[in-house]
Amino acid sequence: MTTLTIHTIESAPTASKPALEKSLKTNGMLPNLHGVLGSSPQLLEAYQTLHQLFMNTSFDADELTVVWQGINVEHGCNYCVPAHTGIAHAMKVDAKLIQALRDQEPMPTDKLQALFDLTLSLVRNRGHVTQEQLDQFYAAGYGEQQVLEIILGLSQKIISNYTNHIANTPIDAPFEKFAWKQSNP
């Protein structure tokens, strides 16, 4: 049951309408998540801004997907996992990587595994990681910038994952074929 309003452009608060119109133009539809976020113009703006900033990090499409989906799966977000599955396919991410993330299986390369491991450690330990974990991440070819970029991605995903948990946001029609349920809640 949905417990928060999913706004249309017409029903949204006036201050949210420009961001929702931008979302419709960008996505060719108004994602249900954006409709929910529309109740708070500030949160909708924050989410859209964080998304754009994260897209502009040093991470490539595979790495963006590892961060997003690693967090989505860890948080058990039944809305974001299907949405980011579709997004990953659109970004030409390898289907094996997409499935490995959905199934919580090992990553196809050591570098992506290091990114996945540090991302999950940040989530599970609320930002507390050891120097050894950082050293392993750096040894895989990443640096301080990427540590901070993971935190940026995590900030975006906290907004969407937590909102979807409260709202029970229905999956958007284009992503229904990628429906997902957490295997170990």
Protein backbone atom coordinates (compact mmCIF):
# COMPACT_ATOMS: atom_id res chain seq x y z
CA MET A 1 0.00 0.00 0.00
CA THR A 2 1.32 3.43 -0.94
CA THR A 3 1.48 5.64 2.12
CA LEU A 4 2.69 8.88 0.53
CA THR A 5 1.12 10.84 -2.32
CA ILE A 6 2.44 10.28 -5.83
CA HIS A 7 1.99 13.70 -7.39
CA THR A 8 1.37 14.56 -10.99
CA ILE A 9 2.61 17.88 -12.28
CA GLU A 10 -0.91 19.22 -11.80
CA SER A 11 -1.31 18.04 -8.18
CA ALA A 12 2.18 18.92 -6.97
CA PRO A 13 2.99 21.96 -4.87
CA THR A 14 3.72 24.96 -7.09
CA ALA A 15 7.39 24.98 -6.10
CA SER A 16 7.81 21.36 -7.30
CA LYS A 17 6.24 21.84 -10.73
CA PRO A 18 9.42 23.03 -12.55
CA ALA A 19 11.46 20.08 -11.24
CA LEU A 20 8.71 17.62 -12.15
CA GLU A 21 8.45 19.14 -15.64
CA LYS A 22 12.23 18.75 -15.96
CA SER A 23 11.91 15.13 -14.89
CA LEU A 24 9.17 14.47 -17.45
CA LYS A 25 11.28 16.05 -20.20
CA THR A 26 14.45 14.18 -19.17
CA ASN A 27 12.85 10.76 -18.65
CA GLY A 28 9.98 10.85 -21.13
CA MET A 29 7.71 10.06 -18.18
CA LEU A 30 7.27 11.19 -14.61
CA PRO A 31 8.86 8.48 -12.43
CA ASN A 32 6.73 7.58 -9.44
CA LEU A 33 9.66 8.35 -7.12
CA HIS A 34 9.80 11.90 -8.44
CA GLY A 35 6.04 12.20 -7.95
CA VAL A 36 6.47 11.18 -4.32
CA LEU A 37 9.41 13.54 -3.81
CA GLY A 38 7.23 16.30 -5.26
CA SER A 39 5.56 16.73 -1.87
CA SER A 40 8.82 18.37 -0.77
CA PRO A 41 10.19 20.76 -3.39
CA GLN A 42 13.48 20.88 -1.49
CA LEU A 43 13.93 17.11 -1.36
CA LEU A 44 13.01 16.75 -5.04
CA GLU A 45 15.57 19.41 -5.95
CA ALA A 46 18.19 17.81 -3.72
CA TYR A 47 17.62 14.40 -5.30
CA GLN A 48 17.81 15.72 -8.86
CA THR A 49 20.91 17.77 -8.06
CA LEU A 50 22.68 14.87 -6.33
CA HIS A 51 21.81 12.60 -9.27
CA GLN A 52 23.35 15.00 -11.77
CA LEU A 53 26.42 15.56 -9.61
CA PHE A 54 26.93 11.81 -9.19
CA MET A 55 26.55 11.25 -12.94
CA ASN A 56 29.36 13.79 -13.42
CA THR A 57 31.85 12.04 -11.14
CA SER A 58 34.94 10.19 -12.31
CA PHE A 59 33.02 6.88 -12.35
CA ASP A 60 32.15 5.19 -15.64
CA ALA A 61 28.78 3.53 -16.29
CA ASP A 62 29.83 0.22 -14.70
CA GLU A 63 31.15 1.96 -11.60
CA LEU A 64 28.07 4.18 -11.23
CA THR A 65 25.96 1.04 -11.43
CA VAL A 66 28.05 -0.79 -8.83
CA VAL A 67 27.58 2.05 -6.36
CA TRP A 68 23.87 2.59 -7.08
CA GLN A 69 22.86 -1.06 -7.20
CA GLY A 70 25.14 -2.13 -4.38
CA ILE A 71 23.35 0.37 -2.14
CA ASN A 72 19.88 -0.36 -3.57
CA VAL A 73 20.24 -4.10 -2.96
CA GLU A 74 21.77 -3.60 0.49
CA HIS A 75 18.86 -1.34 1.44
CA GLY A 76 16.35 -3.78 -0.08
CA CYS A 77 14.73 -1.12 -2.29
CA ASN A 78 12.12 -2.89 -4.41
CA TYR A 79 11.64 0.27 -6.49
CA CYS A 80 15.25 1.31 -7.14
CA VAL A 81 16.68 -2.11 -8.01
CA PRO A 82 14.33 -2.54 -11.02
CA ALA A 83 14.70 1.11 -12.02
CA HIS A 84 18.50 0.96 -11.94
CA THR A 85 18.44 -2.37 -13.76
CA GLY A 86 16.68 -0.62 -16.63
CA ILE A 87 18.96 2.40 -16.35
CA ALA A 88 22.05 0.15 -16.39
CA HIS A 89 20.82 -1.60 -19.54
CA ALA A 90 20.25 1.81 -21.15
CA MET A 91 23.79 2.81 -20.13
CA LYS A 92 25.11 -0.33 -21.91
CA VAL A 93 26.36 -1.96 -18.69
CA ASP A 94 27.14 -5.65 -19.19
CA ALA A 95 24.15 -7.85 -18.33
CA LYS A 96 26.38 -10.16 -16.25
CA LEU A 97 27.43 -7.26 -14.02
CA ILE A 98 23.82 -6.14 -13.65
CA GLN A 99 22.73 -9.64 -12.63
CA ALA A 100 25.68 -10.10 -10.25
CA LEU A 101 24.66 -6.94 -8.42
CA ARG A 102 21.00 -7.99 -8.21
CA ASP A 103 22.02 -11.43 -6.89
CA GLN A 104 24.79 -10.15 -4.57
CA GLU A 105 27.41 -12.23 -6.37
CA PRO A 106 31.11 -11.40 -6.85
CA MET A 107 31.97 -8.62 -9.26
CA PRO A 108 33.60 -9.53 -12.60
CA THR A 109 36.84 -7.63 -11.92
CA ASP A 110 39.00 -6.99 -8.87
CA LYS A 111 38.63 -3.24 -9.34
CA LEU A 112 34.83 -3.37 -9.37
CA GLN A 113 34.94 -5.74 -6.39
CA ALA A 114 37.02 -3.18 -4.47
CA LEU A 115 34.46 -0.47 -5.32
CA PHE A 116 31.60 -2.74 -4.29
CA ASP A 117 33.31 -3.74 -1.04
CA LEU A 118 34.06 -0.18 0.04
CA THR A 119 30.57 0.99 -0.92
CA LEU A 120 28.94 -1.71 1.20
CA SER A 121 31.34 -1.10 4.07
CA LEU A 122 30.40 2.59 4.08
CA VAL A 123 26.69 1.66 4.12
CA ARG A 124 26.93 -1.10 6.72
CA ASN A 125 29.28 0.77 9.05
CA ARG A 126 27.67 4.19 8.66
CA GLY A 127 30.78 5.72 7.15
CA HIS A 128 33.29 4.09 9.49
CA VAL A 129 35.94 2.22 7.51
CA THR A 130 39.42 1.08 8.43
CA GLN A 131 42.68 2.27 6.95
CA GLU A 132 43.15 -1.29 5.67
CA GLN A 133 39.87 -1.05 3.73
CA LEU A 134 40.94 2.27 2.24
CA ASP A 135 44.36 0.88 1.35
CA GLN A 136 42.72 -2.05 -0.47
CA PHE A 137 40.51 0.40 -2.36
CA TYR A 138 43.53 2.53 -3.31
CA ALA A 139 45.51 -0.57 -4.36
CA ALA A 140 42.71 -1.37 -6.83
CA GLY A 141 43.36 1.92 -8.61
CA TYR A 142 41.04 4.34 -6.87
CA GLY A 143 41.88 7.43 -4.82
CA GLU A 144 40.50 9.81 -2.24
CA GLN A 145 38.28 11.48 -4.84
CA GLN A 146 36.44 8.21 -5.45
CA VAL A 147 35.94 7.62 -1.71
CA LEU A 148 34.14 10.95 -1.55
CA GLU A 149 32.22 10.23 -4.76
CA ILE A 150 30.84 7.03 -3.21
CA ILE A 151 29.55 9.19 -0.34
CA LEU A 152 27.86 11.44 -2.91
CA GLY A 153 26.17 8.41 -4.50
CA LEU A 154 25.16 7.14 -1.08
CA SER A 155 23.58 10.51 -0.30
CA GLN A 156 21.42 10.24 -3.42
CA LYS A 157 20.45 6.64 -2.67
CA ILE A 158 19.48 7.38 0.94
CA ILE A 159 16.96 9.89 -0.36
CA SER A 160 15.44 7.48 -2.86
CA ASN A 161 15.70 4.21 -0.92
CA TYR A 162 14.31 5.61 2.33
CA THR A 163 11.54 7.49 0.52
CA ASN A 164 10.54 4.35 -1.35
CA HIS A 165 10.47 2.30 1.85
CA ILE A 166 8.03 4.76 3.44
CA ALA A 167 5.96 5.34 0.30
CA ASN A 168 5.93 1.76 -1.00
CA THR A 169 6.44 3.43 -4.36
CA PRO A 170 5.04 1.34 -7.22
CA ILE A 171 7.53 0.35 -9.92
CA ASP A 172 7.22 2.41 -13.09
CA ALA A 173 5.78 0.50 -16.05
CA PRO A 174 9.02 0.49 -18.09
CA PHE A 175 10.83 -1.24 -15.22
CA GLU A 176 8.19 -3.79 -14.17
CA LYS A 177 9.95 -6.50 -16.19
CA PHE A 178 12.95 -6.03 -13.86
CA ALA A 179 10.95 -6.51 -10.66
CA TRP A 180 13.08 -7.66 -7.71
CA LYS A 181 12.54 -8.78 -4.16
CA GLN A 182 15.25 -8.97 -1.52
CA SER A 183 16.23 -12.59 -0.92
CA ASN A 184 17.67 -12.09 2.59
CA PRO A 185 15.84 -9.22 4.29
